[in-house]
């Protein structure tokens, strides 16, 4: 502590794990029990528990941390959130990543028994239950479903081993311990002499930590940290658990694949939970392409390597004339090739070999297909670096921000080029084309005619010596109204004809006509 005082003075923040870890590991030279993923020494509750066996200050620190949690998580929360002396718990439908219902009432600490904590912590922890009081004329009922979530796992996965645990009234955690720790000769039946809880209670206790964690996706690191074991040992526990419940393992794998494909998960009652499945590689690619608002995929196509590349593959496996193609074998390590020997052959022979390779690729190898589901692209077969085709998958896409930007800004040298980029503000008259200016001129003329009709209607007649002149208000208003309606209808028709839907329909018709024309062209038949 003298070294610490020289560095930091007399100040020590006992709530700072960083300062405490420095004192314990650096100055006191105590070996850490575990490390973080980054490899730094970890000062956590397990370490404090371990130190508490040898140092009184660590035991008091453990009590201090628990009392601080009781005060901040419960007492302060209830006092600050009360309404007329009563605190109302909330229930959330989407409070967890897994999709379970959640409530802050679930955070209430369980009642501790003597020996589980110091008398000081025991008193403050258990007194929290006294906060729960039934209203006048009501009773407070406490109930619990035995092994609720494992029963749900058994139902959704239809795993016979997991179902039998409940059908035979076995102890779930003992069965998990038997599967995970490979306990031969042990029983999960409470009435048997070799009941796990009687013979190996510590293993059953460790099994409780993985019975729910693994189905919820905990990996070797989380299991290792919770049980205080190494990563290889934690992975062996996970493998043993999943080997004991193979259908549960399959359900977990299938569920993960569905989420990756569709972006959501659906339960038996039809409740849908949408999840963010953007991977780190996708984010890196988006950043490299300056994409922030997503993309809209237009086309996906595959570009195969020329067959001549396969023809001269250096590791075809046969030396001499023709290599694999000459032997009638295609699709070797790199699709077949001449191997190690080369001879000067006629061009017609090479062309025949190349054509044979192309035919082999068309018939033997699966073609890539793609499907866009819920704005996620699914490609089959899955492209890999070891694909014998050694080709390229190309994507044609547009940035969504570009599509939206074009709808509110002018492009093409600040000119209004089509309806999609007409600005929402007032356009500059000089930038409007001749068709638009003609429409504005006609509409302005109709407005002038309408205004003149209203002016003439104000006076009705003009007295002239010897006679009266009746003004044509009705004719002007009728003519102006008809012209305005015709111009508006003309504009509406023009906008409809140039809308995205109409343009796509016209493009589809052109594509159909082009296909019909191509189908009428005679096909060339190659005779080798």
Protein backbone atom coordinates (compact mmCIF):
# COMPACT_ATOMS: atom_id res chain seq x y z
CA UNK A 1 0.00 0.00 0.00
CA UNK A 2 2.94 2.32 0.51
CA UNK A 3 3.80 1.97 -3.19
CA UNK A 4 0.18 2.75 -4.05
CA UNK A 5 0.17 5.84 -1.82
CA UNK A 6 3.31 7.09 -3.54
CA UNK A 7 1.59 6.79 -6.91
CA UNK A 8 -2.02 7.80 -6.15
CA UNK A 9 -1.77 9.52 -2.80
CA UNK A 10 -4.19 8.50 -0.03
CA UNK A 11 -7.14 8.10 -2.41
CA UNK A 12 -8.51 4.63 -3.21
CA UNK A 13 -11.83 4.01 -4.97
CA UNK A 14 -13.00 0.61 -3.72
CA UNK A 15 -15.63 0.54 -6.47
CA UNK A 16 -12.94 0.72 -9.17
CA UNK A 17 -12.05 -2.77 -10.37
CA UNK A 18 -9.15 -1.27 -12.28
CA UNK A 19 -7.52 0.13 -9.13
CA UNK A 20 -8.27 -3.00 -7.13
CA UNK A 21 -6.86 -5.28 -9.84
CA UNK A 22 -3.69 -3.19 -9.98
CA UNK A 23 -3.25 -3.47 -6.21
CA UNK A 24 -3.96 -7.21 -6.11
CA UNK A 25 -2.11 -8.35 -9.22
CA UNK A 26 0.69 -5.81 -9.46
CA UNK A 27 1.54 -4.86 -5.87
CA UNK A 28 0.35 -7.90 -3.91
CA UNK A 29 1.56 -10.30 -6.66
CA UNK A 30 -1.54 -12.50 -6.38
CA UNK A 31 -2.16 -14.81 -9.34
CA UNK A 32 -5.46 -14.11 -11.16
CA UNK A 33 -8.07 -16.85 -11.52
CA UNK A 34 -9.09 -15.91 -15.07
CA UNK A 35 -8.50 -13.50 -17.91
CA UNK A 36 -10.71 -11.49 -20.25
CA UNK A 37 -11.01 -12.22 -23.96
CA UNK A 38 -8.29 -9.66 -24.58
CA UNK A 39 -5.94 -11.53 -22.26
CA UNK A 40 -5.90 -9.06 -19.35
CA UNK A 41 -6.14 -10.25 -15.75
CA UNK A 42 -9.74 -10.28 -14.57
CA UNK A 43 -10.81 -8.89 -11.19
CA UNK A 44 -14.39 -10.12 -10.78
CA UNK A 45 -16.70 -11.49 -8.08
CA UNK A 46 -15.04 -14.90 -8.23
CA UNK A 47 -11.69 -13.27 -7.52
CA UNK A 48 -13.14 -11.34 -4.58
CA UNK A 49 -14.70 -14.58 -3.28
CA UNK A 50 -11.31 -16.26 -3.51
CA UNK A 51 -9.52 -13.39 -1.75
CA UNK A 52 -12.18 -13.31 0.96
CA UNK A 53 -10.96 -16.67 2.24
CA UNK A 54 -7.56 -15.16 3.09
CA UNK A 55 -8.12 -11.41 3.57
CA UNK A 56 -10.71 -9.77 5.81
CA UNK A 57 -10.78 -6.64 3.64
CA UNK A 58 -11.81 -8.77 0.63
CA UNK A 59 -14.64 -10.38 2.62
CA UNK A 60 -15.87 -6.94 3.63
CA UNK A 61 -15.49 -5.76 0.03
CA UNK A 62 -17.73 -8.62 -1.08
CA UNK A 63 -20.38 -7.54 1.45
CA UNK A 64 -19.98 -3.91 0.38
CA UNK A 65 -20.58 -4.76 -3.29
CA UNK A 66 -23.70 -6.77 -2.46
CA UNK A 67 -25.09 -4.01 -0.25
CA UNK A 68 -24.44 -1.41 -2.96
CA UNK A 69 -26.33 -3.60 -5.44
CA UNK A 70 -29.26 -4.02 -3.04
CA UNK A 71 -29.39 -0.27 -2.48
CA UNK A 72 -29.12 0.83 -6.12
CA UNK A 73 -31.04 -1.98 -7.82
CA UNK A 74 -33.92 -2.27 -5.39
CA UNK A 75 -34.27 0.25 -2.57
CA UNK A 76 -33.40 3.35 -4.57
CA UNK A 77 -35.42 2.15 -7.57
CA UNK A 78 -38.53 1.54 -5.50
CA UNK A 79 -38.26 4.87 -3.69
CA UNK A 80 -37.67 6.89 -6.87
CA UNK A 81 -40.32 5.11 -8.96
CA UNK A 82 -43.14 4.84 -6.42
CA UNK A 83 -46.57 6.28 -7.07
CA UNK A 84 -48.41 7.20 -3.87
CA UNK A 85 -46.29 4.81 -1.89
CA UNK A 86 -46.64 1.85 -4.26
CA UNK A 87 -44.24 0.64 -6.97
CA UNK A 88 -45.74 -0.88 -10.12
CA UNK A 89 -43.71 -3.48 -11.98
CA UNK A 90 -43.64 -3.38 -15.78
CA UNK A 91 -43.88 -6.21 -18.32
CA UNK A 92 -42.15 -6.00 -21.73
CA UNK A 93 -42.88 -8.12 -24.79
CA UNK A 94 -39.52 -7.30 -26.39
CA UNK A 95 -37.26 -6.82 -23.41
CA UNK A 96 -34.87 -9.64 -24.26
CA UNK A 97 -32.93 -10.69 -27.35
CA UNK A 98 -34.33 -14.20 -27.07
CA UNK A 99 -37.90 -12.87 -27.35
CA UNK A 100 -39.05 -13.89 -23.86
CA UNK A 101 -41.39 -11.68 -21.89
CA UNK A 102 -39.48 -9.75 -19.25
CA UNK A 103 -40.31 -7.74 -16.17
CA UNK A 104 -38.35 -5.83 -13.59
CA UNK A 105 -40.05 -8.00 -10.96
CA UNK A 106 -37.81 -10.83 -12.18
CA UNK A 107 -34.86 -8.91 -10.78
CA UNK A 108 -36.02 -9.40 -7.20
CA UNK A 109 -33.34 -11.33 -5.29
CA UNK A 110 -34.16 -14.80 -4.04
CA UNK A 111 -34.37 -15.41 -0.32
CA UNK A 112 -30.95 -16.40 1.02
CA UNK A 113 -30.48 -19.06 3.64
CA UNK A 114 -28.08 -18.91 6.56
CA UNK A 115 -24.54 -19.57 5.39
CA UNK A 116 -25.07 -18.28 1.86
CA UNK A 117 -24.02 -14.75 2.84
CA UNK A 118 -22.92 -12.78 5.87
CA UNK A 119 -25.54 -11.89 8.46
CA UNK A 120 -25.36 -8.26 7.38
CA UNK A 121 -26.13 -9.03 3.72
CA UNK A 122 -28.63 -11.71 4.69
CA UNK A 123 -30.70 -9.24 6.68
CA UNK A 124 -30.88 -6.54 4.04
CA UNK A 125 -31.42 -9.02 1.20
CA UNK A 126 -34.31 -10.87 2.78
CA UNK A 127 -36.07 -7.77 4.09
CA UNK A 128 -36.79 -6.77 0.47
CA UNK A 129 -39.48 -9.44 0.32
CA UNK A 130 -41.31 -7.53 3.04
CA UNK A 131 -41.85 -4.74 0.50
CA UNK A 132 -44.33 -6.96 -1.34
CA UNK A 133 -47.69 -6.51 0.36
CA UNK A 134 -51.15 -7.48 -0.83
CA UNK A 135 -53.79 -4.80 -0.99
CA UNK A 136 -56.74 -4.74 1.35
CA UNK A 137 -58.97 -7.74 0.80
CA UNK A 138 -56.39 -9.45 -1.41
CA UNK A 139 -53.85 -12.24 -0.98
CA UNK A 140 -50.35 -12.50 -2.35
CA UNK A 141 -49.80 -15.77 -4.25
CA UNK A 142 -46.35 -17.09 -5.18
CA UNK A 143 -46.14 -19.88 -7.75
CA UNK A 144 -43.50 -21.28 -10.07
CA UNK A 145 -43.39 -23.68 -13.02
CA UNK A 146 -40.87 -26.46 -12.53
CA UNK A 147 -38.21 -26.42 -15.30
CA UNK A 148 -40.38 -24.25 -17.53
CA UNK A 149 -37.80 -23.34 -20.16
CA UNK A 150 -36.33 -26.86 -20.54
CA UNK A 151 -39.91 -28.08 -21.08
CA UNK A 152 -40.26 -25.49 -23.83
CA UNK A 153 -36.98 -26.69 -25.37
CA UNK A 154 -38.32 -30.26 -25.32
CA UNK A 155 -41.55 -29.14 -26.98
CA UNK A 156 -40.06 -27.09 -29.82
CA UNK A 157 -37.17 -29.49 -30.56
CA UNK A 158 -39.12 -32.74 -30.03
CA UNK A 159 -35.94 -34.27 -28.62
CA UNK A 160 -36.85 -37.76 -27.27
CA UNK A 161 -34.07 -37.77 -24.66
CA UNK A 162 -35.18 -34.41 -23.28
CA UNK A 163 -38.84 -35.42 -23.36
CA UNK A 164 -38.09 -38.64 -21.47
CA UNK A 165 -36.55 -36.61 -18.65
CA UNK A 166 -39.99 -35.20 -17.86
CA UNK A 167 -41.99 -38.32 -18.76
CA UNK A 168 -39.92 -40.42 -16.34
CA UNK A 169 -39.91 -37.68 -13.70
CA UNK A 170 -36.12 -37.49 -13.71
CA UNK A 171 -34.05 -34.66 -12.28
CA UNK A 172 -33.16 -32.49 -15.27
CA UNK A 173 -29.84 -31.18 -13.95
CA UNK A 174 -28.70 -34.68 -13.02
CA UNK A 175 -29.50 -35.86 -16.55
CA UNK A 176 -27.58 -32.88 -17.99
CA UNK A 177 -24.63 -33.72 -15.73
CA UNK A 178 -24.69 -37.33 -16.94
CA UNK A 179 -24.68 -36.21 -20.58
CA UNK A 180 -22.17 -33.36 -20.27
CA UNK A 181 -19.68 -35.02 -17.92
CA UNK A 182 -20.07 -38.54 -19.37
CA UNK A 183 -21.02 -40.02 -15.99
CA UNK A 184 -21.35 -43.75 -16.49
CA UNK A 185 -23.29 -45.76 -13.94
CA UNK A 186 -25.08 -42.68 -12.61
CA UNK A 187 -28.83 -42.13 -12.42
CA UNK A 188 -31.09 -39.08 -12.70
CA UNK A 189 -33.82 -40.81 -10.71
CA UNK A 190 -34.18 -39.33 -7.25
CA UNK A 191 -34.99 -42.72 -5.66
CA UNK A 192 -31.87 -44.52 -6.92
CA UNK A 193 -28.78 -45.03 -4.79
CA UNK A 194 -26.53 -43.77 -7.60
CA UNK A 195 -28.55 -40.58 -7.95
CA UNK A 196 -26.17 -37.86 -9.18
CA UNK A 197 -27.21 -35.36 -6.54
CA UNK A 198 -26.29 -37.88 -3.85
CA UNK A 199 -23.03 -39.11 -5.36
CA UNK A 200 -21.72 -36.09 -7.33
CA UNK A 201 -23.62 -33.03 -6.07
CA UNK A 202 -20.90 -30.64 -7.28
CA UNK A 203 -21.28 -31.86 -10.88
CA UNK A 204 -25.04 -31.45 -10.72
CA UNK A 205 -24.54 -27.90 -9.49
CA UNK A 206 -22.23 -27.16 -12.42
CA UNK A 207 -24.76 -28.69 -14.80
CA UNK A 208 -27.33 -26.13 -13.65
CA UNK A 209 -25.10 -23.42 -15.10
CA UNK A 210 -25.20 -24.89 -18.60
CA UNK A 211 -28.71 -26.42 -18.81
CA UNK A 212 -30.20 -23.09 -19.93
CA UNK A 213 -27.11 -21.22 -21.06
CA UNK A 214 -26.22 -23.52 -23.98
CA UNK A 215 -29.67 -23.52 -25.67
CA UNK A 216 -29.65 -19.73 -25.36
CA UNK A 217 -26.40 -19.61 -27.34
CA UNK A 218 -23.69 -19.39 -24.70
CA UNK A 219 -20.31 -20.39 -26.13
CA UNK A 220 -17.22 -21.91 -24.60
CA UNK A 221 -15.99 -18.56 -23.29
CA UNK A 222 -19.19 -17.77 -21.37
CA UNK A 223 -19.44 -21.31 -19.99
CA UNK A 224 -15.78 -21.26 -19.02
CA UNK A 225 -16.16 -17.94 -17.23
CA UNK A 226 -19.29 -18.99 -15.32
CA UNK A 227 -17.84 -22.33 -14.19
CA UNK A 228 -14.22 -21.21 -13.84
CA UNK A 229 -12.83 -23.77 -16.29
CA UNK A 230 -10.63 -23.60 -19.39
CA UNK A 231 -11.98 -23.06 -22.91
CA UNK A 232 -11.23 -26.64 -24.11
CA UNK A 233 -12.95 -28.09 -21.05
CA UNK A 234 -15.94 -25.78 -21.55
CA UNK A 235 -16.18 -26.81 -25.21
CA UNK A 236 -16.16 -30.48 -24.18
CA UNK A 237 -19.08 -29.79 -21.85
CA UNK A 238 -21.02 -28.13 -24.67
CA UNK A 239 -20.28 -31.01 -27.05
CA UNK A 240 -21.32 -33.57 -24.44
CA UNK A 241 -24.53 -31.67 -23.73
CA UNK A 242 -25.51 -31.44 -27.41
CA UNK A 243 -24.54 -35.08 -28.11
CA UNK A 244 -26.96 -36.12 -25.37
CA UNK A 245 -29.78 -34.10 -26.94
CA UNK A 246 -29.17 -34.36 -30.72
CA UNK A 247 -32.60 -33.09 -31.80
CA UNK A 248 -32.18 -30.05 -29.56
CA UNK A 249 -28.80 -29.41 -31.24
CA UNK A 250 -30.44 -29.72 -34.68
CA UNK A 251 -33.24 -27.34 -33.67
CA UNK A 252 -30.67 -24.78 -32.48
CA UNK A 253 -28.75 -25.06 -35.77
CA UNK A 254 -31.91 -24.84 -37.90
CA UNK A 255 -33.17 -21.85 -35.92
CA UNK A 256 -29.88 -20.03 -36.41
CA UNK A 257 -30.03 -20.72 -40.16
CA UNK A 258 -33.61 -19.43 -40.38
CA UNK A 259 -32.68 -16.23 -38.57
CA UNK A 260 -29.71 -15.70 -40.89
CA UNK A 261 -31.95 -16.28 -43.93
CA UNK A 262 -35.18 -14.50 -43.04
CA UNK A 263 -34.08 -11.97 -40.40
CA UNK A 264 -36.72 -13.04 -37.89
CA UNK A 265 -37.84 -16.02 -35.82
CA UNK A 266 -41.41 -17.24 -35.35
CA UNK A 267 -42.72 -19.29 -32.43
CA UNK A 268 -45.49 -21.90 -32.45
CA UNK A 269 -48.22 -19.34 -31.86
CA UNK A 270 -47.04 -17.18 -34.78
CA UNK A 271 -45.33 -14.45 -32.72
CA UNK A 272 -42.52 -12.93 -34.79
CA UNK A 273 -39.29 -11.52 -33.38
CA UNK A 274 -37.20 -9.46 -35.80
CA UNK A 275 -33.44 -9.57 -35.26
CA UNK A 276 -30.50 -7.59 -36.56
CA UNK A 277 -28.30 -10.07 -38.48
CA UNK A 278 -25.84 -7.73 -40.16
CA UNK A 279 -22.43 -9.32 -39.76
CA UNK A 280 -19.09 -7.63 -39.20
CA UNK A 281 -17.93 -8.45 -42.74
CA UNK A 282 -21.08 -6.90 -44.21
CA UNK A 283 -20.47 -3.74 -42.20
CA UNK A 284 -16.82 -3.60 -43.31
CA UNK A 285 -17.85 -4.00 -46.95
CA UNK A 286 -20.56 -1.33 -46.61
CA UNK A 287 -18.06 1.10 -45.08
CA UNK A 288 -15.52 0.40 -47.85
CA UNK A 289 -18.18 1.19 -50.47
CA UNK A 290 -19.37 4.34 -48.64
CA UNK A 291 -22.81 2.78 -48.10
CA UNK A 292 -24.74 3.98 -45.09
CA UNK A 293 -28.42 3.44 -45.92
CA UNK A 294 -28.39 -0.04 -47.45
CA UNK A 295 -28.55 -1.24 -51.04
CA UNK A 296 -31.18 -2.55 -53.42
CA UNK A 297 -29.92 -5.58 -55.37
CA UNK A 298 -30.94 -5.48 -59.03
CA UNK A 299 -29.16 -8.47 -60.57
CA UNK A 300 -26.93 -11.32 -59.46
CA UNK A 301 -24.97 -13.18 -62.12
CA UNK A 302 -22.12 -15.66 -62.29
CA UNK A 303 -19.10 -15.29 -64.55
CA UNK A 304 -17.36 -18.60 -65.19
CA UNK A 305 -13.72 -18.88 -66.09
CA UNK A 306 -13.00 -19.87 -69.68
CA UNK A 307 -12.87 -23.62 -70.19
CA UNK A 308 -9.33 -23.28 -71.52
CA UNK A 309 -8.25 -22.41 -67.96
CA UNK A 310 -9.51 -25.79 -66.81
CA UNK A 311 -8.04 -27.49 -69.87
CA UNK A 312 -4.50 -26.53 -68.86
CA UNK A 313 -4.97 -27.03 -65.11
CA UNK A 314 -1.49 -27.90 -63.81
CA UNK A 315 -2.65 -30.60 -61.40
CA UNK A 316 -5.06 -32.63 -63.53
CA UNK A 317 -3.49 -35.91 -62.47
CA UNK A 318 -2.65 -37.50 -65.84
CA UNK A 319 0.51 -36.81 -67.85
CA UNK A 320 0.78 -37.07 -71.56
CA UNK A 321 -1.57 -36.66 -74.45
CA UNK A 322 -4.87 -35.08 -73.50
CA UNK A 323 -4.65 -35.62 -69.74
CA UNK A 324 -8.04 -36.16 -68.08
CA UNK A 325 -10.16 -34.93 -70.98
CA UNK A 326 -8.60 -37.53 -73.25
CA UNK A 327 -9.44 -40.21 -70.70
CA UNK A 328 -13.05 -39.05 -70.63
CA UNK A 329 -12.73 -37.74 -67.06
CA UNK A 330 -13.79 -34.17 -66.27
CA UNK A 331 -13.90 -32.22 -63.05
CA UNK A 332 -10.71 -33.29 -61.32
CA UNK A 333 -9.09 -31.13 -58.68
CA UNK A 334 -9.45 -28.11 -60.95
CA UNK A 335 -11.96 -29.52 -63.43
CA UNK A 336 -9.55 -31.71 -65.44
CA UNK A 337 -6.63 -30.84 -67.68
CA UNK A 338 -3.64 -32.00 -69.63
CA UNK A 339 -1.63 -32.73 -66.49
CA UNK A 340 2.14 -32.58 -66.70
CA UNK A 341 2.74 -33.29 -70.38
CA UNK A 342 1.96 -31.13 -73.43
CA UNK A 343 1.86 -31.90 -77.14
CA UNK A 344 1.15 -29.66 -80.08
CA UNK A 345 -2.38 -30.63 -81.20
CA UNK A 346 -4.67 -29.36 -83.98
CA UNK A 347 -6.93 -26.44 -83.11
CA UNK A 348 -9.98 -28.59 -83.85
CA UNK A 349 -8.90 -31.07 -81.18
CA UNK A 350 -8.42 -28.33 -78.57
CA UNK A 351 -11.81 -26.85 -79.48
CA UNK A 352 -13.43 -30.25 -78.94
CA UNK A 353 -11.79 -30.67 -75.53
CA UNK A 354 -12.88 -27.19 -74.48
CA UNK A 355 -16.43 -27.89 -75.66
CA UNK A 356 -16.40 -31.13 -73.65
CA UNK A 357 -15.34 -29.25 -70.53
CA UNK A 358 -18.08 -26.68 -71.00
CA UNK A 359 -20.67 -29.44 -71.46
CA UNK A 360 -19.35 -31.20 -68.35
CA UNK A 361 -19.67 -28.01 -66.32
CA UNK A 362 -23.21 -27.46 -67.57
CA UNK A 363 -24.38 -30.99 -66.76
CA UNK A 364 -22.35 -32.10 -63.74
CA UNK A 365 -21.93 -28.95 -61.68
CA UNK A 366 -24.76 -27.20 -59.87
CA UNK A 367 -25.58 -23.77 -61.21
CA UNK A 368 -25.74 -20.89 -58.78
CA UNK A 369 -29.21 -19.73 -57.89
CA UNK A 370 -30.21 -16.85 -55.69
CA UNK A 371 -33.32 -15.73 -53.90
CA UNK A 372 -34.02 -12.51 -52.01
CA UNK A 373 -36.03 -13.12 -48.85
CA UNK A 374 -36.89 -10.27 -46.50
CA UNK A 375 -34.23 -8.12 -48.17
CA UNK A 376 -31.56 -10.80 -47.54
CA UNK A 377 -29.94 -12.63 -50.44
CA UNK A 378 -29.58 -16.40 -50.28
CA UNK A 379 -27.14 -18.04 -52.75
CA UNK A 380 -27.00 -21.78 -53.44
CA UNK A 381 -24.67 -23.57 -53.50
CA UNK A 382 -22.71 -21.55 -50.95
CA UNK A 383 -19.73 -19.96 -52.77
CA UNK A 384 -16.33 -21.01 -51.42
CA UNK A 385 -12.72 -20.30 -52.32
CA UNK A 386 -12.26 -23.99 -53.22
CA UNK A 387 -15.00 -24.10 -55.86
CA UNK A 388 -13.73 -26.06 -58.88
CA UNK A 389 -15.38 -23.53 -61.19
CA UNK A 390 -13.14 -20.74 -59.92
CA UNK A 391 -15.50 -18.09 -61.27
CA UNK A 392 -16.90 -14.82 -59.99
CA UNK A 393 -20.25 -13.78 -58.55
CA UNK A 394 -21.22 -10.26 -59.51
CA UNK A 395 -23.87 -8.06 -57.95
CA UNK A 396 -25.57 -5.12 -59.61
CA UNK A 397 -27.11 -2.82 -57.05
CA UNK A 398 -28.05 0.78 -56.31
CA UNK A 399 -27.57 2.67 -53.07
CA UNK A 400 -30.83 3.48 -51.34
CA UNK A 401 -29.57 6.91 -50.38
CA UNK A 402 -28.97 7.63 -54.08
CA UNK A 403 -32.53 6.63 -54.93
CA UNK A 404 -33.97 8.84 -52.22
CA UNK A 405 -31.58 11.70 -53.00
CA UNK A 406 -32.59 11.69 -56.67
CA UNK A 407 -36.22 12.17 -55.68
CA UNK A 408 -35.58 15.48 -53.94
CA UNK A 409 -32.62 16.95 -55.83
CA UNK A 410 -32.06 17.88 -59.45
CA UNK A 411 -29.49 16.02 -61.50
CA UNK A 412 -28.02 16.27 -64.96
CA UNK A 413 -26.54 19.75 -64.76
CA UNK A 414 -29.29 21.14 -62.55
CA UNK A 415 -31.94 20.20 -65.11
CA UNK A 416 -35.24 18.44 -64.52
CA UNK A 417 -34.61 15.31 -66.56
CA UNK A 418 -37.54 13.12 -65.46
CA UNK A 419 -40.37 12.95 -62.95
CA UNK A 420 -38.27 11.07 -60.38
CA UNK A 421 -35.98 14.04 -59.78
CA UNK A 422 -38.45 16.91 -59.91
CA UNK A 423 -37.52 18.99 -56.84
CA UNK A 424 -40.03 19.50 -54.08
CA UNK A 425 -39.23 23.22 -54.02
CA UNK A 426 -40.24 25.73 -56.70
CA UNK A 427 -38.39 24.90 -59.94
CA UNK A 428 -36.58 27.61 -61.83
CA UNK A 429 -38.58 28.49 -64.98
CA UNK A 430 -35.46 28.73 -67.14
CA UNK A 431 -34.56 25.13 -66.26
CA UNK A 432 -37.89 23.69 -67.41
CA UNK A 433 -37.99 22.13 -70.89
CA UNK A 434 -40.20 23.23 -73.78
CA UNK A 435 -43.02 20.79 -72.98
CA UNK A 436 -43.24 22.03 -69.42
CA UNK A 437 -43.10 25.67 -70.46
CA UNK A 438 -45.91 25.10 -72.99
CA UNK A 439 -48.11 23.56 -70.30
CA UNK A 440 -47.41 26.48 -67.93
CA UNK A 441 -48.24 28.95 -70.70
CA UNK A 442 -51.59 27.26 -71.44
CA UNK A 443 -52.51 27.02 -67.77
CA UNK A 444 -51.58 30.68 -67.17
CA UNK A 445 -53.76 31.65 -70.14
CA UNK A 446 -56.68 29.72 -68.65
CA UNK A 447 -56.18 31.51 -65.32
CA UNK A 448 -56.15 34.88 -67.07
CA UNK A 449 -59.36 34.00 -68.90
CA UNK A 450 -60.94 32.98 -65.58
CA UNK A 451 -59.82 36.21 -63.90
CA UNK A 452 -61.19 38.28 -66.80
CA UNK A 453 -64.53 36.47 -66.45
CA UNK A 454 -64.74 37.41 -62.78
CA UNK A 455 -63.91 41.05 -63.62
CA UNK A 456 -66.57 41.22 -66.31
CA UNK A 457 -69.08 39.59 -63.97
CA UNK A 458 -68.66 42.42 -61.50
CA UNK A 459 -70.18 44.91 -63.91
CA UNK A 460 -72.55 42.72 -65.95
CA UNK A 461 -73.35 45.41 -68.53
CA UNK A 462 -71.64 48.58 -69.75
CA UNK A 463 -73.94 51.54 -70.51
CA UNK A 464 -73.18 53.12 -73.88
CA UNK A 465 -75.19 56.15 -75.17
CA UNK A 466 -78.06 54.84 -77.23
CA UNK A 467 -77.46 51.15 -76.26
CA UNK A 468 -76.08 48.66 -73.61
CA UNK A 469 -73.33 46.06 -74.01
CA UNK A 470 -73.69 42.78 -72.05
CA UNK A 471 -70.32 41.25 -71.09
CA UNK A 472 -69.61 37.50 -71.64
CA UNK A 473 -68.75 36.47 -68.06
CA UNK A 474 -70.40 33.04 -68.25
CA UNK A 475 -68.66 32.10 -71.49
CA UNK A 476 -65.24 33.07 -70.14
CA UNK A 477 -65.66 31.19 -66.86
CA UNK A 478 -66.98 28.06 -68.57
CA UNK A 479 -64.19 28.07 -71.12
CA UNK A 480 -61.48 28.70 -68.47
CA UNK A 481 -62.77 25.91 -66.21
CA UNK A 482 -62.83 23.41 -69.05
CA UNK A 483 -59.30 24.32 -70.16
CA UNK A 484 -57.94 24.04 -66.61
CA UNK A 485 -59.49 20.62 -66.10
CA UNK A 486 -58.15 19.45 -69.45
CA UNK A 487 -54.65 20.68 -68.61
CA UNK A 488 -54.70 19.06 -65.18
CA UNK A 489 -55.89 15.80 -66.69
CA UNK A 490 -53.16 16.01 -69.33
CA UNK A 491 -50.55 16.51 -66.58
CA UNK A 492 -51.96 13.60 -64.58
CA UNK A 493 -51.83 11.30 -67.60
CA UNK A 494 -48.27 12.39 -68.33
CA UNK A 495 -47.18 11.71 -64.73
CA UNK A 496 -48.88 8.30 -64.78
CA UNK A 497 -47.23 7.35 -68.06
CA UNK A 498 -43.80 8.34 -66.76
CA UNK A 499 -44.19 6.79 -63.29
CA UNK A 500 -41.87 4.04 -62.19
CA UNK A 501 -44.64 1.46 -62.47
CA UNK A 502 -45.47 2.44 -66.05
CA UNK A 503 -41.81 2.55 -67.04
CA UNK A 504 -41.28 -0.93 -65.58
CA UNK A 505 -44.36 -2.26 -67.38
CA UNK A 506 -43.14 -0.75 -70.65
CA UNK A 507 -39.69 -2.21 -70.08
CA UNK A 508 -41.23 -5.63 -69.38
CA UNK A 509 -43.23 -5.45 -72.63
CA UNK A 510 -40.10 -4.53 -74.54
CA UNK A 511 -38.32 -7.48 -72.93
CA UNK A 512 -41.14 -9.85 -73.93
CA UNK A 513 -41.10 -8.57 -77.52
CA UNK A 514 -37.32 -8.94 -77.63
CA UNK A 515 -37.58 -12.54 -76.40
CA UNK A 516 -40.19 -13.34 -79.05
CA UNK A 517 -37.94 -11.88 -81.71
CA UNK A 518 -34.92 -13.85 -80.47
CA UNK A 519 -36.96 -17.07 -80.42
CA UNK A 520 -37.64 -16.63 -84.12
CA UNK A 521 -33.92 -16.55 -84.91
CA UNK A 522 -32.62 -19.97 -86.07
CA UNK A 523 -30.27 -21.60 -83.57
CA UNK A 524 -26.82 -22.66 -84.76
CA UNK A 525 -26.18 -26.40 -84.44
CA UNK A 526 -22.55 -27.35 -83.99
CA UNK A 527 -21.45 -30.62 -85.55
CA UNK A 528 -18.04 -31.75 -84.32
